[in-house]
Amino acid sequence: MSIKIKKNWSALDNNLVFDLILGVDQAADASRLDNIASAIIHCEGDPNTKLMEIYKDIHTSFDYHFMSGIYVHGYLSLKQRRLLDGTGQGGVYGDLHFGHKGHSDEQHFEGFIAQVPIH
């Protein structure tokens, strides 16, 4: 049985927001991420939203510019990993560049923006 888990990640003082929905298949003996997740990317006070699908082990590239002047580009993908203690984690991994158009404030983030335990 697959359950849906909602997570979010934000940047630029919560003006850039990623609302994420991940599916986790919870079998009796193990759990794993579904092969697809979704992200809704939006900015505070901006009516435009961007919807994208994220796939396991595939880098999904994007380049979004919002009316507020905020931009974000990079890629997202679903990844799973096993830790040394035998536990596992899965989630949305991103390599993101974002900032305000016309300003020299670009920031970079690389890592998991949402994680869930798996076993």
PDB file of N, CA and C in Angstrom:
ATOM      1  N   MET A   1       0.836  -1.168   0.000  1.00  0.00           N
ATOM      2  CA  MET A   1       0.000   0.000   0.000  1.00  0.00           C
ATOM      3  C   MET A   1       0.890   1.243   0.000  1.00  0.00           C
ATOM      4  N   SER A   2       0.577   2.173  -0.865  1.00  0.00           N
ATOM      5  CA  SER A   2       1.347   3.408  -0.973  1.00  0.00           C
ATOM      6  C   SER A   2       0.648   4.533  -0.216  1.00  0.00           C
ATOM      7  N   ILE A   3       1.435   5.263   0.577  1.00  0.00           N
ATOM      8  CA  ILE A   3       0.891   6.428   1.265  1.00  0.00           C
ATOM      9  C   ILE A   3       1.572   7.676   0.709  1.00  0.00           C
ATOM     10  N   LYS A   4       0.878   8.786   0.729  1.00  0.00           N
ATOM     11  CA  LYS A   4       1.421  10.056   0.245  1.00  0.00           C
ATOM     12  C   LYS A   4       1.870  10.887   1.433  1.00  0.00           C
ATOM     13  N   ILE A   5       3.055  11.465   1.312  1.00  0.00           N
ATOM     14  CA  ILE A   5       3.623  12.287   2.367  1.00  0.00           C
ATOM     15  C   ILE A   5       3.906  13.666   1.789  1.00  0.00           C
ATOM     16  N   LYS A   6       3.420  14.690   2.471  1.00  0.00           N
ATOM     17  CA  LYS A   6       3.639  16.070   2.033  1.00  0.00           C
ATOM     18  C   LYS A   6       4.785  16.673   2.827  1.00  0.00           C
ATOM     19  N   LYS A   7       5.689  17.325   2.119  1.00  0.00           N
ATOM     20  CA  LYS A   7       6.822  18.019   2.726  1.00  0.00           C
ATOM     21  C   LYS A   7       6.954  19.368   2.034  1.00  0.00           C
ATOM     22  N   ASN A   8       7.648  20.295   2.675  1.00  0.00           N
ATOM     23  CA  ASN A   8       7.961  21.532   1.971  1.00  0.00           C
ATOM     24  C   ASN A   8       9.358  21.998   2.330  1.00  0.00           C
ATOM     25  N   TRP A   9       9.888  22.816   1.451  1.00  0.00           N
ATOM     26  CA  TRP A   9      11.212  23.397   1.595  1.00  0.00           C
ATOM     27  C   TRP A   9      11.120  24.821   1.096  1.00  0.00           C
ATOM     28  N   SER A  10      11.777  25.741   1.785  1.00  0.00           N
ATOM     29  CA  SER A  10      11.695  27.134   1.354  1.00  0.00           C
ATOM     30  C   SER A  10      13.062  27.797   1.433  1.00  0.00           C
ATOM     31  N   ALA A  11      13.165  28.902   0.714  1.00  0.00           N
ATOM     32  CA  ALA A  11      14.394  29.695   0.684  1.00  0.00           C
ATOM     33  C   ALA A  11      14.015  31.163   0.522  1.00  0.00           C
ATOM     34  N   LEU A  12      14.992  32.019   0.573  1.00  0.00           N
ATOM     35  CA  LEU A  12      14.794  33.466   0.402  1.00  0.00           C
ATOM     36  C   LEU A  12      13.737  33.989   1.379  1.00  0.00           C
ATOM     37  N   ASP A  13      13.944  33.693   2.645  1.00  0.00           N
ATOM     38  CA  ASP A  13      13.027  34.129   3.714  1.00  0.00           C
ATOM     39  C   ASP A  13      11.601  33.667   3.458  1.00  0.00           C
ATOM     40  N   ASN A  14      11.449  32.426   3.053  1.00  0.00           N
ATOM     41  CA  ASN A  14      10.154  31.787   2.765  1.00  0.00           C
ATOM     42  C   ASN A  14       9.432  32.384   1.562  1.00  0.00           C
ATOM     43  N   ASN A  15      10.116  33.134   0.722  1.00  0.00           N
ATOM     44  CA  ASN A  15       9.491  33.687  -0.484  1.00  0.00           C
ATOM     45  C   ASN A  15       9.497  32.694  -1.642  1.00  0.00           C
ATOM     46  N   LEU A  16      10.399  31.742  -1.639  1.00  0.00           N
ATOM     47  CA  LEU A  16      10.456  30.681  -2.643  1.00  0.00           C
ATOM     48  C   LEU A  16      10.118  29.382  -1.932  1.00  0.00           C
ATOM     49  N   VAL A  17       9.036  28.716  -2.378  1.00  0.00           N
ATOM     50  CA  VAL A  17       8.532  27.546  -1.652  1.00  0.00           C
ATOM     51  C   VAL A  17       8.365  26.364  -2.602  1.00  0.00           C
ATOM     52  N   PHE A  18       8.831  25.213  -2.154  1.00  0.00           N
ATOM     53  CA  PHE A  18       8.630  23.947  -2.844  1.00  0.00           C
ATOM     54  C   PHE A  18       7.681  23.112  -1.995  1.00  0.00           C
ATOM     55  N   ASP A  19       6.466  22.849  -2.483  1.00  0.00           N
ATOM     56  CA  ASP A  19       5.540  21.926  -1.832  1.00  0.00           C
ATOM     57  C   ASP A  19       5.685  20.585  -2.541  1.00  0.00           C
ATOM     58  N   LEU A  20       6.049  19.554  -1.806  1.00  0.00           N
ATOM     59  CA  LEU A  20       6.404  18.258  -2.384  1.00  0.00           C
ATOM     60  C   LEU A  20       5.454  17.173  -1.910  1.00  0.00           C
ATOM     61  N   ILE A  21       5.136  16.253  -2.801  1.00  0.00           N
ATOM     62  CA  ILE A  21       4.332  15.085  -2.452  1.00  0.00           C
ATOM     63  C   ILE A  21       5.097  13.850  -2.888  1.00  0.00           C
ATOM     64  N   LEU A  22       5.453  13.018  -1.905  1.00  0.00           N
ATOM     65  CA  LEU A  22       6.190  11.783  -2.157  1.00  0.00           C
ATOM     66  C   LEU A  22       5.295  10.600  -1.824  1.00  0.00           C
ATOM     67  N   GLY A  23       5.411   9.546  -2.598  1.00  0.00           N
ATOM     68  CA  GLY A  23       4.704   8.313  -2.298  1.00  0.00           C
ATOM     69  C   GLY A  23       5.674   7.301  -1.716  1.00  0.00           C
ATOM     70  N   VAL A  24       5.241   6.625  -0.663  1.00  0.00           N
ATOM     71  CA  VAL A  24       6.053   5.581  -0.037  1.00  0.00           C
ATOM     72  C   VAL A  24       5.237   4.306  -0.026  1.00  0.00           C
ATOM     73  N   ASP A  25       5.778   3.270  -0.667  1.00  0.00           N
ATOM     74  CA  ASP A  25       5.133   1.961  -0.693  1.00  0.00           C
ATOM     75  C   ASP A  25       5.540   1.229   0.569  1.00  0.00           C
ATOM     76  N   GLN A  26       4.579   0.950   1.435  1.00  0.00           N
ATOM     77  CA  GLN A  26       4.882   0.334   2.718  1.00  0.00           C
ATOM     78  C   GLN A  26       4.421  -1.113   2.729  1.00  0.00           C
ATOM     79  N   ALA A  27       5.304  -1.995   2.302  1.00  0.00           N
ATOM     80  CA  ALA A  27       5.035  -3.433   2.376  1.00  0.00           C
ATOM     81  C   ALA A  27       5.349  -3.901   3.798  1.00  0.00           C
ATOM     82  N   ALA A  28       4.936  -5.104   4.109  1.00  0.00           N
ATOM     83  CA  ALA A  28       5.136  -5.644   5.463  1.00  0.00           C
ATOM     84  C   ALA A  28       6.617  -5.768   5.813  1.00  0.00           C
ATOM     85  N   ASP A  29       7.456  -6.095   4.841  1.00  0.00           N
ATOM     86  CA  ASP A  29       8.865  -6.339   5.138  1.00  0.00           C
ATOM     87  C   ASP A  29       9.798  -5.197   4.737  1.00  0.00           C
ATOM     88  N   ALA A  30       9.306  -4.227   3.969  1.00  0.00           N
ATOM     89  CA  ALA A  30      10.181  -3.142   3.528  1.00  0.00           C
ATOM     90  C   ALA A  30       9.339  -1.974   3.047  1.00  0.00           C
ATOM     91  N   SER A  31       9.943  -0.807   2.988  1.00  0.00           N
ATOM     92  CA  SER A  31       9.290   0.351   2.396  1.00  0.00           C
ATOM     93  C   SER A  31      10.255   0.972   1.404  1.00  0.00           C
ATOM     94  N   ARG A  32       9.698   1.566   0.368  1.00  0.00           N
ATOM     95  CA  ARG A  32      10.533   2.216  -0.639  1.00  0.00           C
ATOM     96  C   ARG A  32       9.745   3.355  -1.261  1.00  0.00           C
ATOM     97  N   LEU A  33      10.477   4.262  -1.872  1.00  0.00           N
ATOM     98  CA  LEU A  33       9.836   5.380  -2.549  1.00  0.00           C
ATOM     99  C   LEU A  33       9.136   4.901  -3.813  1.00  0.00           C
ATOM    100  N   ASP A  34       7.999   5.529  -4.131  1.00  0.00           N
ATOM    101  CA  ASP A  34       7.395   5.317  -5.439  1.00  0.00           C
ATOM    102  C   ASP A  34       8.347   5.891  -6.488  1.00  0.00           C
ATOM    103  N   ASN A  35       8.125   5.573  -7.748  1.00  0.00           N
ATOM    104  CA  ASN A  35       9.020   6.006  -8.822  1.00  0.00           C
ATOM    105  C   ASN A  35       8.805   7.442  -9.261  1.00  0.00           C
ATOM    106  N   ILE A  36       7.787   8.111  -8.738  1.00  0.00           N
ATOM    107  CA  ILE A  36       7.489   9.473  -9.159  1.00  0.00           C
ATOM    108  C   ILE A  36       6.987  10.286  -7.958  1.00  0.00           C
ATOM    109  N   ALA A  37       7.332  11.552  -7.939  1.00  0.00           N
ATOM    110  CA  ALA A  37       6.843  12.495  -6.931  1.00  0.00           C
ATOM    111  C   ALA A  37       6.463  13.770  -7.668  1.00  0.00           C
ATOM    112  N   SER A  38       5.837  14.699  -6.970  1.00  0.00           N
ATOM    113  CA  SER A  38       5.481  15.962  -7.610  1.00  0.00           C
ATOM    114  C   SER A  38       5.925  17.126  -6.744  1.00  0.00           C
ATOM    115  N   ALA A  39       6.150  18.253  -7.402  1.00  0.00           N
ATOM    116  CA  ALA A  39       6.534  19.481  -6.718  1.00  0.00           C
ATOM    117  C   ALA A  39       5.709  20.627  -7.278  1.00  0.00           C
ATOM    118  N   ILE A  40       5.219  21.461  -6.385  1.00  0.00           N
ATOM    119  CA  ILE A  40       4.595  22.719  -6.765  1.00  0.00           C
ATOM    120  C   ILE A  40       5.536  23.800  -6.253  1.00  0.00           C
ATOM    121  N   ILE A  41       6.044  24.611  -7.177  1.00  0.00           N
ATOM    122  CA  ILE A  41       7.018  25.646  -6.835  1.00  0.00           C
ATOM    123  C   ILE A  41       6.322  26.991  -6.991  1.00  0.00           C
ATOM    124  N   HIS A  42       6.383  27.814  -5.939  1.00  0.00           N
ATOM    125  CA  HIS A  42       5.710  29.107  -6.012  1.00  0.00           C
ATOM    126  C   HIS A  42       6.437  30.128  -5.156  1.00  0.00           C
ATOM    127  N   CYS A  43       6.059  31.389  -5.363  1.00  0.00           N
ATOM    128  CA  CYS A  43       6.631  32.493  -4.602  1.00  0.00           C
ATOM    129  C   CYS A  43       5.525  33.202  -3.844  1.00  0.00           C
ATOM    130  N   GLU A  44       5.857  33.690  -2.680  1.00  0.00           N
ATOM    131  CA  GLU A  44       4.905  34.434  -1.858  1.00  0.00           C
ATOM    132  C   GLU A  44       4.402  35.654  -2.637  1.00  0.00           C
ATOM    133  N   GLY A  45       3.093  35.790  -2.724  1.00  0.00           N
ATOM    134  CA  GLY A  45       2.493  36.939  -3.389  1.00  0.00           C
ATOM    135  C   GLY A  45       2.485  36.894  -4.898  1.00  0.00           C
ATOM    136  N   ASP A  46       2.930  35.811  -5.500  1.00  0.00           N
ATOM    137  CA  ASP A  46       2.975  35.673  -6.957  1.00  0.00           C
ATOM    138  C   ASP A  46       1.922  34.653  -7.368  1.00  0.00           C
ATOM    139  N   PRO A  47       0.996  34.998  -8.268  1.00  0.00           N
ATOM    140  CA  PRO A  47      -0.067  34.053  -8.629  1.00  0.00           C
ATOM    141  C   PRO A  47       0.409  32.875  -9.479  1.00  0.00           C
ATOM    142  N   ASN A  48       1.580  32.967 -10.053  1.00  0.00           N
ATOM    143  CA  ASN A  48       2.085  31.878 -10.892  1.00  0.00           C
ATOM    144  C   ASN A  48       2.658  30.756 -10.033  1.00  0.00           C
ATOM    145  N   THR A  49       2.278  29.545 -10.363  1.00  0.00           N
ATOM    146  CA  THR A  49       2.876  28.376  -9.729  1.00  0.00           C
ATOM    147  C   THR A  49       3.395  27.459 -10.823  1.00  0.00           C
ATOM    148  N   LYS A  50       4.382  26.685 -10.509  1.00  0.00           N
ATOM    149  CA  LYS A  50       4.971  25.733 -11.454  1.00  0.00           C
ATOM    150  C   LYS A  50       4.807  24.339 -10.882  1.00  0.00           C
ATOM    151  N   LEU A  51       4.301  23.445 -11.704  1.00  0.00           N
ATOM    152  CA  LEU A  51       4.123  22.053 -11.299  1.00  0.00           C
ATOM    153  C   LEU A  51       5.106  21.207 -12.079  1.00  0.00           C
ATOM    154  N   MET A  52       5.814  20.329 -11.387  1.00  0.00           N
ATOM    155  CA  MET A  52       6.726  19.426 -12.089  1.00  0.00           C
ATOM    156  C   MET A  52       6.673  18.044 -11.471  1.00  0.00           C
ATOM    157  N   GLU A  53       6.952  17.049 -12.296  1.00  0.00           N
ATOM    158  CA  GLU A  53       7.064  15.676 -11.839  1.00  0.00           C
ATOM    159  C   GLU A  53       8.536  15.346 -11.659  1.00  0.00           C
ATOM    160  N   ILE A  54       8.823  14.565 -10.635  1.00  0.00           N
ATOM    161  CA  ILE A  54      10.193  14.196 -10.291  1.00  0.00           C
ATOM    162  C   ILE A  54      10.277  12.679 -10.333  1.00  0.00           C
ATOM    163  N   TYR A  55      11.319  12.163 -10.985  1.00  0.00           N
ATOM    164  CA  TYR A  55      11.445  10.724 -11.195  1.00  0.00           C
ATOM    165  C   TYR A  55      12.653  10.170 -10.453  1.00  0.00           C
ATOM    166  N   LYS A  56      12.573   8.893 -10.105  1.00  0.00           N
ATOM    167  CA  LYS A  56      13.662   8.229  -9.395  1.00  0.00           C
ATOM    168  C   LYS A  56      14.890   8.102 -10.280  1.00  0.00           C
ATOM    169  N   ASP A  57      16.020   8.564  -9.761  1.00  0.00           N
ATOM    170  CA  ASP A  57      17.334   8.449 -10.401  1.00  0.00           C
ATOM    171  C   ASP A  57      17.431   9.144 -11.758  1.00  0.00           C
ATOM    172  N   ILE A  58      16.532  10.086 -12.044  1.00  0.00           N
ATOM    173  CA  ILE A  58      16.609  10.883 -13.276  1.00  0.00           C
ATOM    174  C   ILE A  58      16.629  12.346 -12.858  1.00  0.00           C
ATOM    175  N   HIS A  59      17.604  13.104 -13.358  1.00  0.00           N
ATOM    176  CA  HIS A  59      17.674  14.533 -13.057  1.00  0.00           C
ATOM    177  C   HIS A  59      16.638  15.261 -13.912  1.00  0.00           C
ATOM    178  N   THR A  60      15.653  15.875 -13.277  1.00  0.00           N
ATOM    179  CA  THR A  60      14.648  16.661 -13.981  1.00  0.00           C
ATOM    180  C   THR A  60      15.041  18.125 -13.859  1.00  0.00           C
ATOM    181  N   SER A  61      15.511  18.691 -14.967  1.00  0.00           N
ATOM    182  CA  SER A  61      15.987  20.075 -14.980  1.00  0.00           C
ATOM    183  C   SER A  61      14.829  21.050 -15.121  1.00  0.00           C
ATOM    184  N   PHE A  62      15.030  22.251 -14.590  1.00  0.00           N
ATOM    185  CA  PHE A  62      14.019  23.298 -14.716  1.00  0.00           C
ATOM    186  C   PHE A  62      14.681  24.658 -14.615  1.00  0.00           C
ATOM    187  N   ASP A  63      13.976  25.670 -15.105  1.00  0.00           N
ATOM    188  CA  ASP A  63      14.434  27.058 -15.072  1.00  0.00           C
ATOM    189  C   ASP A  63      13.186  27.929 -15.002  1.00  0.00           C
ATOM    190  N   TYR A  64      12.858  28.446 -13.814  1.00  0.00           N
ATOM    191  CA  TYR A  64      11.628  29.203 -13.601  1.00  0.00           C
ATOM    192  C   TYR A  64      11.949  30.635 -13.188  1.00  0.00           C
ATOM    193  N   HIS A  65      11.178  31.565 -13.750  1.00  0.00           N
ATOM    194  CA  HIS A  65      11.277  32.984 -13.410  1.00  0.00           C
ATOM    195  C   HIS A  65       9.877  33.452 -13.029  1.00  0.00           C
ATOM    196  N   PHE A  66       9.759  34.082 -11.874  1.00  0.00           N
ATOM    197  CA  PHE A  66       8.465  34.527 -11.375  1.00  0.00           C
ATOM    198  C   PHE A  66       8.317  36.036 -11.549  1.00  0.00           C
ATOM    199  N   MET A  67       7.072  36.495 -11.577  1.00  0.00           N
ATOM    200  CA  MET A  67       6.776  37.919 -11.757  1.00  0.00           C
ATOM    201  C   MET A  67       7.378  38.774 -10.648  1.00  0.00           C
ATOM    202  N   SER A  68       7.595  38.181  -9.496  1.00  0.00           N
ATOM    203  CA  SER A  68       8.164  38.903  -8.362  1.00  0.00           C
ATOM    204  C   SER A  68       9.649  39.217  -8.550  1.00  0.00           C
ATOM    205  N   GLY A  69      10.262  38.647  -9.587  1.00  0.00           N
ATOM    206  CA  GLY A  69      11.695  38.836  -9.814  1.00  0.00           C
ATOM    207  C   GLY A  69      12.530  37.694  -9.272  1.00  0.00           C
ATOM    208  N   ILE A  70      11.922  36.768  -8.551  1.00  0.00           N
ATOM    209  CA  ILE A  70      12.642  35.603  -8.032  1.00  0.00           C
ATOM    210  C   ILE A  70      12.801  34.579  -9.156  1.00  0.00           C
ATOM    211  N   TYR A  71      13.969  33.970  -9.212  1.00  0.00           N
ATOM    212  CA  TYR A  71      14.222  32.901 -10.183  1.00  0.00           C
ATOM    213  C   TYR A  71      14.807  31.692  -9.460  1.00  0.00           C
ATOM    214  N   VAL A  72      14.638  30.539 -10.076  1.00  0.00           N
ATOM    215  CA  VAL A  72      15.233  29.303  -9.558  1.00  0.00           C
ATOM    216  C   VAL A  72      15.493  28.391 -10.748  1.00  0.00           C
ATOM    217  N   HIS A  73      16.655  27.778 -10.765  1.00  0.00           N
ATOM    218  CA  HIS A  73      16.965  26.783 -11.797  1.00  0.00           C
ATOM    219  C   HIS A  73      17.859  25.719 -11.207  1.00  0.00           C
ATOM    220  N   GLY A  74      17.869  24.582 -11.862  1.00  0.00           N
ATOM    221  CA  GLY A  74      18.662  23.449 -11.394  1.00  0.00           C
ATOM    222  C   GLY A  74      17.990  22.152 -11.762  1.00  0.00           C
ATOM    223  N   TYR A  75      18.091  21.150 -10.883  1.00  0.00           N
ATOM    224  CA  TYR A  75      17.419  19.879 -11.127  1.00  0.00           C
ATOM    225  C   TYR A  75      16.940  19.287  -9.810  1.00  0.00           C
ATOM    226  N   LEU A  76      15.936  18.407  -9.920  1.00  0.00           N
ATOM    227  CA  LEU A  76      15.431  17.617  -8.806  1.00  0.00           C
ATOM    228  C   LEU A  76      15.405  16.163  -9.229  1.00  0.00           C
ATOM    229  N   SER A  77      15.612  15.236  -8.299  1.00  0.00           N
ATOM    230  CA  SER A  77      15.462  13.810  -8.569  1.00  0.00           C
ATOM    231  C   SER A  77      15.118  13.092  -7.272  1.00  0.00           C
ATOM    232  N   LEU A  78      14.526  11.914  -7.405  1.00  0.00           N
ATOM    233  CA  LEU A  78      14.233  11.061  -6.249  1.00  0.00           C
ATOM    234  C   LEU A  78      15.422  10.143  -6.020  1.00  0.00           C
ATOM    235  N   LYS A  79      15.857  10.060  -4.777  1.00  0.00           N
ATOM    236  CA  LYS A  79      16.987   9.184  -4.450  1.00  0.00           C
ATOM    237  C   LYS A  79      16.694   8.425  -3.170  1.00  0.00           C
ATOM    238  N   GLN A  80      17.263   7.248  -3.084  1.00  0.00           N
ATOM    239  CA  GLN A  80      17.239   6.447  -1.854  1.00  0.00           C
ATOM    240  C   GLN A  80      18.667   6.149  -1.466  1.00  0.00           C
ATOM    241  N   ARG A  81      18.891   6.044  -0.158  1.00  0.00           N
ATOM    242  CA  ARG A  81      20.238   5.692   0.302  1.00  0.00           C
ATOM    243  C   ARG A  81      20.137   4.891   1.577  1.00  0.00           C
ATOM    244  N   ARG A  82      21.078   4.026   1.746  1.00  0.00           N
ATOM    245  CA  ARG A  82      21.178   3.179   2.931  1.00  0.00           C
ATOM    246  C   ARG A  82      22.283   3.755   3.800  1.00  0.00           C
ATOM    247  N   LEU A  83      22.029   3.932   5.077  1.00  0.00           N
ATOM    248  CA  LEU A  83      23.022   4.469   6.000  1.00  0.00           C
ATOM    249  C   LEU A  83      23.815   3.336   6.640  1.00  0.00           C
ATOM    250  N   LEU A  84      24.918   3.680   7.267  1.00  0.00           N
ATOM    251  CA  LEU A  84      25.792   2.672   7.862  1.00  0.00           C
ATOM    252  C   LEU A  84      25.099   1.851   8.945  1.00  0.00           C
ATOM    253  N   ASP A  85      24.139   2.442   9.637  1.00  0.00           N
ATOM    254  CA  ASP A  85      23.456   1.710  10.704  1.00  0.00           C
ATOM    255  C   ASP A  85      22.339   0.804  10.179  1.00  0.00           C
ATOM    256  N   GLY A  86      22.191   0.709   8.857  1.00  0.00           N
ATOM    257  CA  GLY A  86      21.201  -0.173   8.265  1.00  0.00           C
ATOM    258  C   GLY A  86      19.869   0.484   7.966  1.00  0.00           C
ATOM    259  N   THR A  87      19.659   1.680   8.499  1.00  0.00           N
ATOM    260  CA  THR A  87      18.427   2.391   8.189  1.00  0.00           C
ATOM    261  C   THR A  87      18.549   3.028   6.807  1.00  0.00           C
ATOM    262  N   GLY A  88      17.445   3.458   6.292  1.00  0.00           N
ATOM    263  CA  GLY A  88      17.470   4.081   4.978  1.00  0.00           C
ATOM    264  C   GLY A  88      16.700   5.377   4.958  1.00  0.00           C
ATOM    265  N   GLN A  89      17.006   6.179   3.965  1.00  0.00           N
ATOM    266  CA  GLN A  89      16.301   7.422   3.734  1.00  0.00           C
ATOM    267  C   GLN A  89      16.049   7.556   2.245  1.00  0.00           C
ATOM    268  N   GLY A  90      14.953   8.176   1.925  1.00  0.00           N
ATOM    269  CA  GLY A  90      14.651   8.481   0.539  1.00  0.00           C
ATOM    270  C   GLY A  90      14.049   9.856   0.481  1.00  0.00           C
ATOM    271  N   GLY A  91      14.135  10.465  -0.671  1.00  0.00           N
ATOM    272  CA  GLY A  91      13.545  11.792  -0.771  1.00  0.00           C
ATOM    273  C   GLY A  91      13.888  12.490  -2.053  1.00  0.00           C
ATOM    274  N   VAL A  92      13.590  13.777  -2.052  1.00  0.00           N
ATOM    275  CA  VAL A  92      13.838  14.626  -3.211  1.00  0.00           C
ATOM    276  C   VAL A  92      15.182  15.299  -3.012  1.00  0.00           C
ATOM    277  N   TYR A  93      16.074  15.076  -3.975  1.00  0.00           N
ATOM    278  CA  TYR A  93      17.421  15.633  -3.959  1.00  0.00           C
ATOM    279  C   TYR A  93      17.474  16.742  -4.993  1.00  0.00           C
ATOM    280  N   GLY A  94      18.065  17.860  -4.632  1.00  0.00           N
ATOM    281  CA  GLY A  94      18.130  18.969  -5.573  1.00  0.00           C
ATOM    282  C   GLY A  94      19.484  19.616  -5.658  1.00  0.00           C
ATOM    283  N   ASP A  95      19.750  20.183  -6.811  1.00  0.00           N
ATOM    284  CA  ASP A  95      20.889  21.073  -7.041  1.00  0.00           C
ATOM    285  C   ASP A  95      20.258  22.364  -7.553  1.00  0.00           C
ATOM    286  N   LEU A  96      20.135  23.359  -6.680  1.00  0.00           N
ATOM    287  CA  LEU A  96      19.330  24.545  -6.945  1.00  0.00           C
ATOM    288  C   LEU A  96      20.166  25.815  -6.895  1.00  0.00           C
ATOM    289  N   HIS A  97      19.875  26.727  -7.811  1.00  0.00           N
ATOM    290  CA  HIS A  97      20.432  28.074  -7.824  1.00  0.00           C
ATOM    291  C   HIS A  97      19.242  29.018  -7.838  1.00  0.00           C
ATOM    292  N   PHE A  98      19.237  30.008  -6.956  1.00  0.00           N
ATOM    293  CA  PHE A  98      18.072  30.880  -6.861  1.00  0.00           C
ATOM    294  C   PHE A  98      18.489  32.256  -6.368  1.00  0.00           C
ATOM    295  N   GLY A  99      17.643  33.238  -6.626  1.00  0.00           N
ATOM    296  CA  GLY A  99      17.910  34.603  -6.197  1.00  0.00           C
ATOM    297  C   GLY A  99      16.879  35.552  -6.765  1.00  0.00           C
ATOM    298  N   HIS A 100      17.235  36.839  -6.787  1.00  0.00           N
ATOM    299  CA  HIS A 100      16.366  37.887  -7.308  1.00  0.00           C
ATOM    300  C   HIS A 100      16.995  38.452  -8.579  1.00  0.00           C
ATOM    301  N   LYS A 101      16.221  38.537  -9.635  1.00  0.00           N
ATOM    302  CA  LYS A 101      16.707  39.077 -10.911  1.00  0.00           C
ATOM    303  C   LYS A 101      17.234  40.500 -10.693  1.00  0.00           C
ATOM    304  N   GLY A 102      18.419  40.769 -11.247  1.00  0.00           N
ATOM    305  CA  GLY A 102      19.006  42.095 -11.150  1.00  0.00           C
ATOM    306  C   GLY A 102      19.813  42.348  -9.894  1.00  0.00           C
ATOM    307  N   HIS A 103      19.838  41.388  -8.981  1.00  0.00           N
ATOM    308  CA  HIS A 103      20.636  41.513  -7.756  1.00  0.00           C
ATOM    309  C   HIS A 103      21.760  40.489  -7.794  1.00  0.00           C
ATOM    310  N   SER A 104      22.815  40.769  -7.092  1.00  0.00           N
ATOM    311  CA  SER A 104      23.917  39.804  -7.033  1.00  0.00           C
ATOM    312  C   SER A 104      23.792  38.967  -5.755  1.00  0.00           C
ATOM    313  N   ASP A 105      22.637  38.320  -5.607  1.00  0.00           N
ATOM    314  CA  ASP A 105      22.373  37.560  -4.382  1.00  0.00           C
ATOM    315  C   ASP A 105      22.152  36.080  -4.660  1.00  0.00           C
ATOM    316  N   GLU A 106      22.631  35.581  -5.804  1.00  0.00           N
ATOM    317  CA  GLU A 106      22.363  34.176  -6.120  1.00  0.00           C
ATOM    318  C   GLU A 106      22.905  33.269  -5.021  1.00  0.00           C
ATOM    319  N   GLN A 107      22.075  32.282  -4.657  1.00  0.00           N
ATOM    320  CA  GLN A 107      22.458  31.295  -3.662  1.00  0.00           C
ATOM    321  C   GLN A 107      22.431  29.909  -4.303  1.00  0.00           C
ATOM    322  N   HIS A 108      23.163  28.989  -3.716  1.00  0.00           N
ATOM    323  CA  HIS A 108      23.238  27.624  -4.224  1.00  0.00           C
ATOM    324  C   HIS A 108      22.940  26.666  -3.083  1.00  0.00           C
ATOM    325  N   PHE A 109      22.129  25.660  -3.381  1.00  0.00           N
ATOM    326  CA  PHE A 109      21.863  24.594  -2.417  1.00  0.00           C
ATOM    327  C   PHE A 109      21.936  23.274  -3.151  1.00  0.00           C
ATOM    328  N   GLU A 110      22.665  22.315  -2.575  1.00  0.00           N
ATOM    329  CA  GLU A 110      22.700  20.969  -3.111  1.00  0.00           C
ATOM    330  C   GLU A 110      22.518  19.993  -1.952  1.00  0.00           C
ATOM    331  N   GLY A 111      21.511  19.133  -2.068  1.00  0.00           N
ATOM    332  CA  GLY A 111      21.225  18.162  -1.031  1.00  0.00           C
ATOM    333  C   GLY A 111      19.763  17.772  -1.037  1.00  0.00           C
ATOM    334  N   PHE A 112      19.349  17.056  -0.006  1.00  0.00           N
ATOM    335  CA  PHE A 112      17.955  16.643   0.097  1.00  0.00           C
ATOM    336  C   PHE A 112      17.097  17.824   0.561  1.00  0.00           C
ATOM    337  N   ILE A 113      16.003  18.086  -0.158  1.00  0.00           N
ATOM    338  CA  ILE A 113      15.070  19.114   0.282  1.00  0.00           C
ATOM    339  C   ILE A 113      13.871  18.496   0.986  1.00  0.00           C
ATOM    340  N   ALA A 114      13.726  17.179   0.887  1.00  0.00           N
ATOM    341  CA  ALA A 114      12.689  16.455   1.619  1.00  0.00           C
ATOM    342  C   ALA A 114      13.157  15.016   1.777  1.00  0.00           C
ATOM    343  N   GLN A 115      12.989  14.463   2.982  1.00  0.00           N
ATOM    344  CA  GLN A 115      13.394  13.078   3.248  1.00  0.00           C
ATOM    345  C   GLN A 115      12.328  12.348   4.052  1.00  0.00           C
ATOM    346  N   VAL A 116      12.262  11.061   3.817  1.00  0.00           N
ATOM    347  CA  VAL A 116      11.389  10.186   4.598  1.00  0.00           C
ATOM    348  C   VAL A 116      12.178   8.923   4.937  1.00  0.00           C
ATOM    349  N   PRO A 117      11.922   8.319   6.099  1.00  0.00           N
ATOM    350  CA  PRO A 117      12.611   7.066   6.428  1.00  0.00           C
ATOM    351  C   PRO A 117      12.053   5.911   5.599  1.00  0.00           C
ATOM    352  N   ILE A 118      12.940   5.024   5.188  1.00  0.00           N
ATOM    353  CA  ILE A 118      12.541   3.801   4.490  1.00  0.00           C
ATOM    354  C   ILE A 118      13.314   2.654   5.102  1.00  0.00           C
ATOM    355  N   HIS A 119      12.832   1.451   4.911  1.00  0.00           N
ATOM    356  CA  HIS A 119      13.560   0.296   5.454  1.00  0.00           C
ATOM    357  C   HIS A 119      13.459  -0.869   4.492  1.00  0.00           C
TER     358      HIS A 119
END
